[in-house]
Amino acid sequence: MQISEVREAQAQAHKGPGTGAMARRSASMSQWLALPVILAGSFMVTLDFFIVNVAIPALQAELRASSATIQLIIAGYGLALAAGLITSGRLGDLYGRRRVFMWGLALFTGASLVCGLAPTVDVLILARVAQGLGASLLSPQALSMLGTTYTGATRSRAFMWYGMTLGLAASLGQLIGGLLIEADVAGLGWRACFLINLPVGAIALLLAPRLVPESFGDRGGRLDPPGVGLITLAMSALVLPLIEGRAQGWPLWTMLCLAASAPLFGLFVLQQRRRARDGRPPLVDLTIFRRRGFAAGNLATLLFFMGMASFFLIFTLYLQNGRGLGALASGAVFTQLGLGFFLASLASPRVERWLGRQTLALGAAVMAVSLTVLALEASGLDGSILWLSPALLADGAGMGLVLAPLTSRVLAGVPPAEAGAGAGILTTTQQIANALGVALIGNLFYNEVGAGAAAAFPRAFALCLVALALLVLAVAALVQMLPGVTPTHSSRSSAQ
């Protein structure tokens, strides 16, 4: 033992046994103070994905926007977000996850201000693209920081709060948007749906350098520009037609883009393997997919988020077009889903200690049953919408038992040095799933609705719910390939 180590041990002994306990309590307090800051970014990104749907009718009227430009407002955000996630994960590994997280917060918050003040629809479209780029910077960093900052039981609780944040932002997005537009604070109308991000983003930016620890991944080498170009082109070719295709009737360009996406992804894989063989750090270390839990977990995530995103779409259409509810009233119905999600999310760490990965299978089974019951009730419902409440509560509870444990277990086997890459891949999977689910299930819904008579909406809704029930049953099967025990990683191994 070196002299300095002997002196440190003597100093600790002199201070007494209470000093170590006090230091551990202080470290634990610091961890939990950092959590709201990390989750603030995830909340804004998810909320913005859903809240804009409520704002569209009002902003379309005020800015005299065509249906094509409205699609660009939605597509610009989704495309910029999806295309940048993998690259952003690597940026966090190289330059510091907290630093890149703050870059994303600053860009997202500034772009939200421009959205809220946009004088023309062209300015709004550009600001939405900037919002998407900011979201792509901060989203993978949030997951990476959760995976490297928290260990053991605290890790499960941290991911529980992460899952709860995403679920509540999604399920309450319509209600929050409806309340903001209805209140019309200071005459802002739809603009408040974007400006609400300003105080949240500003406070998070102020607190991040004080509360969130910095961490790095594998800092060897530099960013891979050819890889960045290839993955951006591949993601754009896949996601853009999925976002725009159904609304435009699947024109030729959407088919060509989808066809081109496969060889582009293939070129990216070949280029990454060649870099690895040459001893140069790739943008994505593809050996990460050799971990069975990570590969199966990403597939389970794809199916789960396909169902979750499309459910919010078709349920909104059913409530507003089939049942005649306004944005605020339909948003209030979603609170029942949110309540079930909230309660189950709180219980998920304890349930996971009892059941392990079967917690996810249980949640998926609850969702499958509740979706089937919801389909039967909706197809024959002539009275009050309140008859749907028990099934909605149960469906929300099933989501709560799946979302947080799924995210935690997918990343469980990823070493801290690869946390950025793993988080980038996982968040990319989520965004592809959102676009794919809306495109496929949305197309099924609209084909069944046909000319759009109100009587056709319950039938279309019920058909889609059966398809979603099959998706979550597939999730229940895939989770059997996830790690049975969640490994823990020390954050010190990734901090440099």
Protein backbone atom coordinates (compact mmCIF):
# COMPACT_ATOMS: atom_id res chain seq x y z
CA MET A 1 0.00 0.00 0.00
CA GLN A 2 1.35 3.42 -0.93
CA ILE A 3 1.98 6.09 1.73
CA SER A 4 -0.85 8.27 0.38
CA GLU A 5 -3.29 5.36 0.68
CA VAL A 6 -2.20 4.69 4.27
CA ARG A 7 -2.76 8.33 5.17
CA GLU A 8 -6.19 8.34 3.51
CA ALA A 9 -7.18 5.21 5.46
CA GLN A 10 -5.95 6.78 8.70
CA ALA A 11 -7.90 9.95 7.96
CA GLN A 12 -11.10 7.96 7.33
CA ALA A 13 -10.58 6.02 10.58
CA HIS A 14 -10.06 9.27 12.48
CA LYS A 15 -13.27 10.73 11.06
CA GLY A 16 -15.26 7.79 12.34
CA PRO A 17 -17.70 5.31 10.75
CA GLY A 18 -20.45 7.89 10.31
CA THR A 19 -18.49 9.80 7.68
CA GLY A 20 -18.76 7.05 5.05
CA ALA A 21 -22.50 6.72 5.58
CA MET A 22 -22.90 10.48 5.31
CA ALA A 23 -20.92 10.51 2.05
CA ARG A 24 -23.11 7.72 0.63
CA ARG A 25 -26.28 9.61 1.56
CA SER A 26 -24.90 12.74 -0.09
CA ALA A 27 -24.04 10.81 -3.28
CA SER A 28 -27.51 9.25 -3.32
CA MET A 29 -29.13 12.68 -2.90
CA SER A 30 -27.05 14.04 -5.78
CA GLN A 31 -28.20 11.18 -8.00
CA TRP A 32 -31.88 11.82 -7.32
CA LEU A 33 -31.51 15.57 -7.81
CA ALA A 34 -30.03 14.88 -11.25
CA LEU A 35 -32.95 12.65 -12.30
CA PRO A 36 -35.61 15.38 -12.89
CA VAL A 37 -33.13 17.31 -15.04
CA ILE A 38 -32.38 14.25 -17.18
CA LEU A 39 -36.07 13.39 -17.52
CA ALA A 40 -37.09 16.96 -18.41
CA GLY A 41 -35.58 16.54 -21.87
CA SER A 42 -37.34 13.21 -22.48
CA PHE A 43 -40.65 14.71 -21.32
CA MET A 44 -40.44 17.64 -23.74
CA VAL A 45 -39.46 15.46 -26.71
CA THR A 46 -42.34 13.02 -26.15
CA LEU A 47 -44.89 15.70 -25.31
CA ASP A 48 -44.03 17.63 -28.47
CA PHE A 49 -44.63 14.54 -30.59
CA PHE A 50 -48.26 14.35 -29.38
CA ILE A 51 -49.23 17.89 -28.45
CA VAL A 52 -48.74 19.24 -31.98
CA ASN A 53 -51.68 17.13 -33.21
CA VAL A 54 -54.00 19.22 -31.02
CA ALA A 55 -52.49 22.49 -32.26
CA ILE A 56 -52.76 21.70 -35.99
CA PRO A 57 -56.34 22.87 -36.70
CA ALA A 58 -55.78 26.25 -35.02
CA LEU A 59 -52.35 26.90 -36.54
CA GLN A 60 -53.58 25.82 -39.97
CA ALA A 61 -56.35 28.42 -39.79
CA GLU A 62 -54.12 31.24 -38.51
CA LEU A 63 -51.16 30.66 -40.84
CA ARG A 64 -53.37 29.63 -43.79
CA ALA A 65 -51.36 26.46 -44.22
CA SER A 66 -52.19 23.82 -46.81
CA SER A 67 -52.49 20.16 -45.93
CA ALA A 68 -49.11 19.55 -47.60
CA THR A 69 -47.35 22.08 -45.37
CA ILE A 70 -49.07 20.66 -42.29
CA GLN A 71 -47.57 17.29 -43.19
CA LEU A 72 -44.14 18.92 -43.41
CA ILE A 73 -44.59 20.39 -39.91
CA ILE A 74 -45.09 16.85 -38.60
CA ALA A 75 -42.62 15.09 -40.89
CA GLY A 76 -39.81 17.64 -40.40
CA TYR A 77 -39.72 16.97 -36.66
CA GLY A 78 -40.01 13.19 -36.91
CA LEU A 79 -37.44 12.86 -39.70
CA ALA A 80 -34.79 15.07 -38.07
CA LEU A 81 -35.28 13.23 -34.78
CA ALA A 82 -35.01 9.73 -36.23
CA ALA A 83 -32.13 10.46 -38.62
CA GLY A 84 -29.82 11.93 -35.97
CA LEU A 85 -30.17 9.53 -33.03
CA ILE A 86 -27.40 7.03 -33.78
CA THR A 87 -24.90 9.79 -34.60
CA SER A 88 -25.89 11.70 -31.46
CA GLY A 89 -25.29 8.63 -29.31
CA ARG A 90 -21.71 8.47 -30.60
CA LEU A 91 -21.26 12.23 -30.07
CA GLY A 92 -22.11 11.74 -26.40
CA ASP A 93 -19.51 8.98 -26.06
CA LEU A 94 -16.84 11.19 -27.65
CA TYR A 95 -17.52 14.64 -26.22
CA GLY A 96 -19.40 13.96 -22.99
CA ARG A 97 -23.01 12.91 -22.52
CA ARG A 98 -23.95 15.85 -20.31
CA ARG A 99 -22.39 18.31 -22.74
CA VAL A 100 -24.24 16.91 -25.77
CA PHE A 101 -27.43 16.68 -23.69
CA MET A 102 -27.11 20.40 -22.99
CA TRP A 103 -26.49 21.14 -26.68
CA GLY A 104 -29.74 19.34 -27.44
CA LEU A 105 -31.63 21.14 -24.67
CA ALA A 106 -30.44 24.52 -25.91
CA LEU A 107 -31.34 23.80 -29.54
CA PHE A 108 -34.72 22.28 -28.68
CA THR A 109 -35.68 25.13 -26.33
CA GLY A 110 -34.55 27.83 -28.78
CA ALA A 111 -36.40 26.15 -31.65
CA SER A 112 -39.54 25.92 -29.47
CA LEU A 113 -39.38 29.70 -29.02
CA VAL A 114 -39.17 30.19 -32.79
CA CYS A 115 -42.11 27.77 -33.29
CA GLY A 116 -44.19 29.72 -30.80
CA LEU A 117 -43.42 33.07 -32.48
CA ALA A 118 -43.38 31.84 -36.11
CA PRO A 119 -44.93 34.50 -38.39
CA THR A 120 -45.24 32.15 -41.38
CA VAL A 121 -45.62 28.46 -41.98
CA ASP A 122 -42.17 28.29 -43.65
CA VAL A 123 -40.51 29.56 -40.48
CA LEU A 124 -42.51 27.04 -38.46
CA ILE A 125 -41.36 24.14 -40.65
CA LEU A 126 -37.69 25.13 -40.30
CA ALA A 127 -38.09 25.54 -36.54
CA ARG A 128 -39.71 22.09 -36.30
CA VAL A 129 -36.71 20.55 -38.10
CA ALA A 130 -34.42 22.31 -35.61
CA GLN A 131 -36.58 20.96 -32.77
CA GLY A 132 -36.14 17.45 -34.15
CA LEU A 133 -32.36 17.88 -34.34
CA GLY A 134 -32.29 19.11 -30.74
CA ALA A 135 -34.42 16.14 -29.68
CA SER A 136 -32.04 13.76 -31.46
CA LEU A 137 -29.11 15.20 -29.51
CA LEU A 138 -30.65 14.92 -26.05
CA SER A 139 -32.72 11.70 -26.28
CA PRO A 140 -29.90 9.10 -26.41
CA GLN A 141 -27.89 11.02 -23.80
CA ALA A 142 -30.76 10.78 -21.33
CA LEU A 143 -30.82 6.98 -21.67
CA SER A 144 -27.02 6.74 -21.54
CA MET A 145 -26.83 8.85 -18.38
CA LEU A 146 -29.50 6.76 -16.68
CA GLY A 147 -27.60 3.60 -17.52
CA THR A 148 -24.24 4.86 -16.25
CA THR A 149 -25.28 7.04 -13.29
CA TYR A 150 -27.56 4.57 -11.49
CA THR A 151 -26.81 1.03 -10.33
CA GLY A 152 -28.62 -1.79 -8.58
CA ALA A 153 -32.06 -1.03 -7.14
CA THR A 154 -31.68 2.69 -7.85
CA ARG A 155 -31.24 1.83 -11.53
CA SER A 156 -34.64 0.09 -11.63
CA ARG A 157 -36.28 3.08 -9.95
CA ALA A 158 -34.58 5.53 -12.32
CA PHE A 159 -35.83 3.61 -15.35
CA MET A 160 -39.25 3.38 -13.73
CA TRP A 161 -39.38 7.18 -13.65
CA TYR A 162 -38.09 7.32 -17.23
CA GLY A 163 -40.85 5.01 -18.44
CA MET A 164 -43.43 6.93 -16.45
CA THR A 165 -42.23 10.19 -17.97
CA LEU A 166 -42.62 8.89 -21.54
CA GLY A 167 -46.00 7.31 -20.86
CA LEU A 168 -47.51 10.30 -19.10
CA ALA A 169 -46.20 12.74 -21.72
CA ALA A 170 -47.83 10.60 -24.42
CA SER A 171 -51.13 9.91 -22.63
CA LEU A 172 -51.59 13.47 -21.32
CA GLY A 173 -50.24 15.31 -24.37
CA GLN A 174 -53.68 15.82 -25.89
CA LEU A 175 -55.19 16.99 -22.61
CA ILE A 176 -52.38 19.49 -21.99
CA GLY A 177 -52.68 20.80 -25.55
CA GLY A 178 -56.44 21.07 -25.32
CA LEU A 179 -56.24 22.96 -22.00
CA LEU A 180 -53.65 25.39 -23.36
CA ILE A 181 -55.69 26.17 -26.46
CA GLU A 182 -58.93 26.39 -24.49
CA ALA A 183 -57.40 28.75 -21.90
CA ASP A 184 -55.89 30.93 -24.66
CA VAL A 185 -53.45 32.51 -22.16
CA ALA A 186 -52.46 36.04 -23.30
CA GLY A 187 -54.13 35.29 -26.63
CA LEU A 188 -51.40 32.82 -27.56
CA GLY A 189 -53.75 30.04 -28.65
CA TRP A 190 -51.87 27.20 -30.37
CA ARG A 191 -48.54 28.96 -29.83
CA ALA A 192 -48.66 28.06 -26.14
CA CYS A 193 -48.26 24.39 -27.13
CA PHE A 194 -44.68 25.22 -28.19
CA LEU A 195 -43.89 27.97 -25.69
CA ILE A 196 -44.64 25.66 -22.75
CA ASN A 197 -41.21 24.12 -23.44
CA LEU A 198 -39.37 27.35 -22.60
CA PRO A 199 -39.50 27.30 -18.77
CA VAL A 200 -38.85 23.56 -18.64
CA GLY A 201 -35.87 23.78 -21.00
CA ALA A 202 -34.41 26.89 -19.37
CA ILE A 203 -34.53 25.41 -15.85
CA ALA A 204 -33.02 22.13 -17.05
CA LEU A 205 -30.20 24.01 -18.82
CA LEU A 206 -29.49 26.00 -15.67
CA LEU A 207 -29.37 22.94 -13.39
CA ALA A 208 -27.68 20.38 -15.68
CA PRO A 209 -24.04 21.51 -15.12
CA ARG A 210 -24.64 21.67 -11.36
CA LEU A 211 -26.49 18.38 -10.84
CA VAL A 212 -25.81 15.97 -13.70
CA PRO A 213 -22.42 14.17 -13.64
CA GLU A 214 -20.38 14.11 -16.83
CA SER A 215 -19.51 10.76 -18.39
CA PHE A 216 -17.84 9.50 -21.53
CA GLY A 217 -17.75 6.30 -23.53
CA ASP A 218 -14.97 5.03 -25.76
CA ARG A 219 -13.18 8.27 -26.65
CA GLY A 220 -10.72 6.66 -29.04
CA GLY A 221 -10.68 8.05 -32.59
CA ARG A 222 -13.03 10.58 -34.13
CA LEU A 223 -16.52 10.73 -35.52
CA ASP A 224 -17.05 8.71 -38.69
CA PRO A 225 -18.35 11.20 -41.36
CA PRO A 226 -18.98 8.58 -44.10
CA GLY A 227 -20.88 6.47 -41.58
CA VAL A 228 -22.89 9.51 -40.46
CA GLY A 229 -23.79 10.25 -44.09
CA LEU A 230 -24.85 6.68 -44.85
CA ILE A 231 -26.98 6.17 -41.74
CA THR A 232 -28.64 9.57 -42.22
CA LEU A 233 -29.54 8.74 -45.84
CA ALA A 234 -30.75 5.26 -44.88
CA MET A 235 -32.91 6.53 -42.02
CA SER A 236 -34.34 9.33 -44.17
CA ALA A 237 -35.18 6.90 -46.98
CA LEU A 238 -37.01 4.66 -44.49
CA VAL A 239 -38.74 7.11 -42.17
CA LEU A 240 -39.84 9.92 -44.54
CA PRO A 241 -42.11 7.73 -46.72
CA LEU A 242 -43.52 6.08 -43.60
CA ILE A 243 -44.49 9.50 -42.24
CA GLU A 244 -45.76 10.98 -45.51
CA GLY A 245 -46.84 7.94 -47.53
CA ARG A 246 -50.33 7.23 -46.26
CA ALA A 247 -51.48 10.85 -46.32
CA GLN A 248 -50.25 11.24 -49.91
CA GLY A 249 -51.66 7.96 -51.17
CA TRP A 250 -48.26 6.21 -51.39
CA PRO A 251 -46.93 7.92 -54.55
CA LEU A 252 -44.02 6.47 -56.54
CA TRP A 253 -41.32 8.41 -54.65
CA THR A 254 -42.33 6.75 -51.36
CA MET A 255 -41.94 3.29 -52.90
CA LEU A 256 -38.56 4.22 -54.37
CA CYS A 257 -37.33 5.57 -51.02
CA LEU A 258 -38.41 2.45 -49.16
CA ALA A 259 -36.73 0.27 -51.78
CA ALA A 260 -33.51 2.32 -51.53
CA SER A 261 -33.39 2.15 -47.73
CA ALA A 262 -32.41 -1.55 -47.65
CA PRO A 263 -29.24 -1.23 -49.78
CA LEU A 264 -28.32 1.97 -47.93
CA PHE A 265 -28.49 0.13 -44.60
CA GLY A 266 -26.48 -2.68 -46.18
CA LEU A 267 -23.77 -0.24 -47.30
CA PHE A 268 -23.68 1.23 -43.80
CA VAL A 269 -23.14 -2.22 -42.27
CA LEU A 270 -20.34 -3.02 -44.74
CA GLN A 271 -18.66 0.35 -44.13
CA GLN A 272 -18.82 -0.10 -40.36
CA ARG A 273 -17.32 -3.59 -40.55
CA ARG A 274 -14.50 -2.33 -42.77
CA ARG A 275 -13.68 0.45 -40.30
CA ALA A 276 -13.58 -2.05 -37.46
CA ARG A 277 -11.28 -4.37 -39.44
CA ASP A 278 -8.96 -1.42 -40.18
CA GLY A 279 -8.71 -0.60 -36.47
CA ARG A 280 -10.70 2.63 -36.74
CA PRO A 281 -13.60 3.22 -34.32
CA PRO A 282 -16.93 2.73 -36.15
CA LEU A 283 -19.99 4.87 -35.58
CA VAL A 284 -21.74 1.73 -34.28
CA ASP A 285 -19.89 -1.32 -32.98
CA LEU A 286 -22.06 -3.95 -34.65
CA THR A 287 -20.85 -6.63 -32.24
CA ILE A 288 -23.38 -5.12 -29.83
CA PHE A 289 -26.03 -7.12 -31.69
CA ARG A 290 -24.29 -10.38 -30.73
CA ARG A 291 -25.78 -9.88 -27.28
CA ARG A 292 -29.00 -11.85 -27.53
CA GLY A 293 -30.78 -9.66 -25.00
CA PHE A 294 -29.96 -6.48 -26.90
CA ALA A 295 -31.04 -7.86 -30.29
CA ALA A 296 -34.25 -9.44 -28.99
CA GLY A 297 -34.95 -6.44 -26.80
CA ASN A 298 -34.76 -4.06 -29.75
CA LEU A 299 -37.19 -6.25 -31.69
CA ALA A 300 -39.55 -6.29 -28.70
CA THR A 301 -39.19 -2.50 -28.45
CA LEU A 302 -40.03 -2.17 -32.16
CA LEU A 303 -43.27 -4.13 -31.77
CA PHE A 304 -44.25 -2.47 -28.49
CA PHE A 305 -43.77 1.10 -29.73
CA MET A 306 -45.47 0.28 -33.05
CA GLY A 307 -48.54 -0.63 -31.03
CA MET A 308 -48.27 2.25 -28.56
CA ALA A 309 -47.89 5.02 -31.18
CA SER A 310 -50.63 3.69 -33.44
CA PHE A 311 -53.03 3.17 -30.52
CA PHE A 312 -52.86 6.86 -29.64
CA LEU A 313 -53.61 7.73 -33.27
CA ILE A 314 -56.58 5.43 -33.83
CA PHE A 315 -58.07 6.10 -30.39
CA THR A 316 -57.97 9.84 -31.06
CA LEU A 317 -59.66 9.33 -34.45
CA TYR A 318 -62.28 7.08 -32.88
CA LEU A 319 -63.09 9.55 -30.11
CA GLN A 320 -63.17 12.68 -32.27
CA ASN A 321 -64.58 11.39 -35.57
CA GLY A 322 -66.50 8.34 -34.40
CA ARG A 323 -67.81 9.65 -31.07
CA GLY A 324 -67.87 13.39 -31.85
CA LEU A 325 -65.69 14.51 -28.93
CA GLY A 326 -63.58 17.67 -29.10
CA ALA A 327 -59.83 17.82 -28.48
CA LEU A 328 -60.23 18.71 -24.80
CA ALA A 329 -62.87 16.06 -24.10
CA SER A 330 -60.92 13.33 -25.89
CA GLY A 331 -57.81 14.40 -23.99
CA ALA A 332 -59.72 13.92 -20.74
CA VAL A 333 -60.59 10.34 -21.77
CA PHE A 334 -56.86 9.65 -22.17
CA THR A 335 -56.34 10.49 -18.49
CA GLN A 336 -57.85 7.12 -17.58
CA LEU A 337 -55.12 5.44 -19.60
CA GLY A 338 -52.59 7.72 -17.90
CA LEU A 339 -53.89 6.84 -14.43
CA GLY A 340 -53.47 3.11 -15.01
CA PHE A 341 -50.01 3.72 -16.46
CA PHE A 342 -48.96 5.88 -13.50
CA LEU A 343 -50.05 3.39 -10.84
CA ALA A 344 -48.51 0.38 -12.59
CA SER A 345 -45.26 2.24 -13.24
CA LEU A 346 -44.92 2.99 -9.53
CA ALA A 347 -45.42 -0.68 -8.75
CA SER A 348 -43.19 -2.03 -11.56
CA PRO A 349 -39.86 -2.11 -9.62
CA ARG A 350 -41.45 -4.15 -6.81
CA VAL A 351 -43.23 -6.46 -9.26
CA GLU A 352 -39.98 -6.91 -11.18
CA ARG A 353 -38.20 -8.00 -7.99
CA TRP A 354 -40.80 -10.76 -7.65
CA LEU A 355 -41.24 -11.82 -11.27
CA GLY A 356 -38.07 -10.66 -13.05
CA ARG A 357 -38.46 -10.44 -16.81
CA GLN A 358 -41.89 -12.09 -16.58
CA THR A 359 -43.13 -8.68 -15.40
CA LEU A 360 -42.99 -7.64 -19.05
CA ALA A 361 -44.85 -10.77 -20.15
CA LEU A 362 -47.51 -10.06 -17.52
CA GLY A 363 -47.87 -6.45 -18.71
CA ALA A 364 -48.11 -7.54 -22.35
CA ALA A 365 -50.75 -10.15 -21.47
CA VAL A 366 -52.79 -7.55 -19.56
CA MET A 367 -52.58 -5.26 -22.59
CA ALA A 368 -53.68 -8.02 -24.98
CA VAL A 369 -56.73 -8.86 -22.85
CA SER A 370 -57.71 -5.22 -22.27
CA LEU A 371 -57.32 -4.37 -25.99
CA THR A 372 -59.56 -7.32 -26.89
CA VAL A 373 -62.18 -6.24 -24.34
CA LEU A 374 -61.88 -2.65 -25.59
CA ALA A 375 -62.51 -3.86 -29.15
CA LEU A 376 -65.65 -5.75 -28.10
CA GLU A 377 -66.96 -2.79 -26.09
CA ALA A 378 -66.18 -0.15 -28.71
CA SER A 379 -67.75 -2.08 -31.59
CA GLY A 380 -71.07 -2.42 -29.74
CA LEU A 381 -71.03 0.82 -27.73
CA ASP A 382 -74.02 3.12 -28.18
CA GLY A 383 -74.07 4.80 -24.76
CA SER A 384 -71.60 6.65 -22.58
CA ILE A 385 -67.89 6.56 -23.37
CA LEU A 386 -67.33 5.85 -19.65
CA TRP A 387 -68.04 2.17 -20.34
CA LEU A 388 -64.54 2.04 -21.81
CA SER A 389 -62.90 3.16 -18.55
CA PRO A 390 -62.06 -0.26 -17.00
CA ALA A 391 -60.39 -1.50 -20.19
CA LEU A 392 -58.49 1.78 -20.57
CA LEU A 393 -57.23 1.60 -16.99
CA ALA A 394 -56.10 -1.99 -17.54
CA ASP A 395 -54.39 -1.15 -20.84
CA GLY A 396 -52.53 1.73 -19.20
CA ALA A 397 -51.48 -0.58 -16.36
CA GLY A 398 -50.13 -3.10 -18.87
CA MET A 399 -48.12 -0.38 -20.59
CA GLY A 400 -46.70 0.68 -17.24
CA LEU A 401 -45.51 -2.86 -16.48
CA VAL A 402 -43.76 -3.13 -19.86
CA LEU A 403 -42.21 0.23 -20.76
CA ALA A 404 -39.67 0.94 -17.99
CA PRO A 405 -38.50 -2.66 -17.40
CA LEU A 406 -38.15 -3.21 -21.16
CA THR A 407 -35.89 -0.20 -21.64
CA SER A 408 -33.79 -1.13 -18.61
CA ARG A 409 -33.30 -4.74 -19.67
CA VAL A 410 -32.46 -3.95 -23.29
CA LEU A 411 -29.57 -1.77 -22.09
CA ALA A 412 -28.65 -4.02 -19.13
CA GLY A 413 -25.95 -5.98 -20.95
CA VAL A 414 -24.40 -2.97 -22.70
CA PRO A 415 -21.09 -1.91 -21.09
CA PRO A 416 -20.81 1.76 -20.03
CA ALA A 417 -18.25 2.44 -22.78
CA GLU A 418 -20.91 1.55 -25.39
CA ALA A 419 -23.85 3.18 -23.59
CA GLY A 420 -24.14 6.01 -26.11
CA ALA A 421 -24.21 3.66 -29.10
CA GLY A 422 -26.69 1.33 -27.37
CA ALA A 423 -28.99 4.21 -26.40
CA GLY A 424 -28.76 5.67 -29.90
CA ILE A 425 -29.80 2.36 -31.45
CA LEU A 426 -32.64 1.86 -28.96
CA THR A 427 -34.08 5.37 -29.39
CA THR A 428 -33.79 4.96 -33.18
CA THR A 429 -35.76 1.73 -32.91
CA GLN A 430 -38.45 3.58 -30.97
CA GLN A 431 -38.75 6.31 -33.62
CA ILE A 432 -38.84 3.82 -36.51
CA ALA A 433 -41.53 1.94 -34.59
CA ASN A 434 -43.60 5.12 -34.14
CA ALA A 435 -43.51 5.84 -37.87
CA LEU A 436 -44.03 2.21 -38.90
CA GLY A 437 -46.93 1.66 -36.50
CA VAL A 438 -48.75 4.83 -37.57
CA ALA A 439 -48.20 3.95 -41.26
CA LEU A 440 -49.35 0.29 -41.06
CA ILE A 441 -52.09 0.43 -38.42
CA GLY A 442 -53.20 3.88 -39.64
CA ASN A 443 -53.51 2.52 -43.17
CA LEU A 444 -55.56 -0.44 -41.90
CA PHE A 445 -57.81 1.96 -39.99
CA TYR A 446 -58.43 4.32 -42.92
CA ASN A 447 -59.02 1.46 -45.37
CA GLU A 448 -61.71 0.09 -43.06
CA VAL A 449 -63.29 3.52 -42.51
CA GLY A 450 -63.58 4.09 -46.27
CA ALA A 451 -65.67 7.19 -47.02
CA GLY A 452 -65.52 8.27 -43.40
CA ALA A 453 -69.07 7.74 -42.11
CA ALA A 454 -69.18 7.94 -38.31
CA ALA A 455 -70.68 4.44 -38.08
CA ALA A 456 -67.55 2.94 -39.69
CA PHE A 457 -65.16 4.23 -37.03
CA PRO A 458 -66.06 1.75 -34.24
CA ARG A 459 -65.61 -1.18 -36.64
CA ALA A 460 -62.25 0.13 -37.87
CA PHE A 461 -61.13 0.84 -34.30
CA ALA A 462 -62.04 -2.69 -33.17
CA LEU A 463 -60.21 -4.30 -36.10
CA CYS A 464 -57.03 -2.36 -35.35
CA LEU A 465 -57.23 -3.23 -31.65
CA VAL A 466 -57.19 -6.94 -32.52
CA ALA A 467 -54.03 -6.35 -34.60
CA LEU A 468 -52.45 -4.47 -31.67
CA ALA A 469 -53.34 -7.31 -29.28
CA LEU A 470 -51.40 -9.71 -31.53
CA LEU A 471 -48.41 -7.34 -31.49
CA VAL A 472 -48.19 -7.27 -27.69
CA LEU A 473 -48.51 -11.07 -27.52
CA ALA A 474 -45.42 -11.20 -29.75
CA VAL A 475 -43.71 -8.87 -27.26
CA ALA A 476 -44.57 -11.30 -24.44
CA ALA A 477 -42.83 -14.08 -26.39
CA LEU A 478 -39.73 -12.02 -27.19
CA VAL A 479 -39.09 -10.92 -23.60
CA GLN A 480 -38.23 -14.54 -22.78
CA MET A 481 -34.91 -13.87 -24.54
CA LEU A 482 -34.03 -10.89 -22.31
CA PRO A 483 -31.57 -11.16 -19.39
CA GLY A 484 -33.15 -12.90 -16.40
CA VAL A 485 -31.18 -10.68 -13.99
CA THR A 486 -30.38 -7.05 -14.67
CA PRO A 487 -26.58 -6.51 -14.48
CA THR A 488 -25.27 -3.42 -12.79
CA HIS A 489 -22.54 -1.17 -14.13
CA SER A 490 -20.54 1.31 -12.12
CA SER A 491 -20.72 4.85 -13.38
CA ARG A 492 -17.07 5.31 -12.42
CA SER A 493 -16.01 3.01 -15.21
CA SER A 494 -17.39 5.40 -17.78
CA ALA A 495 -16.39 8.71 -16.26
CA GLN A 496 -13.04 9.98 -17.40
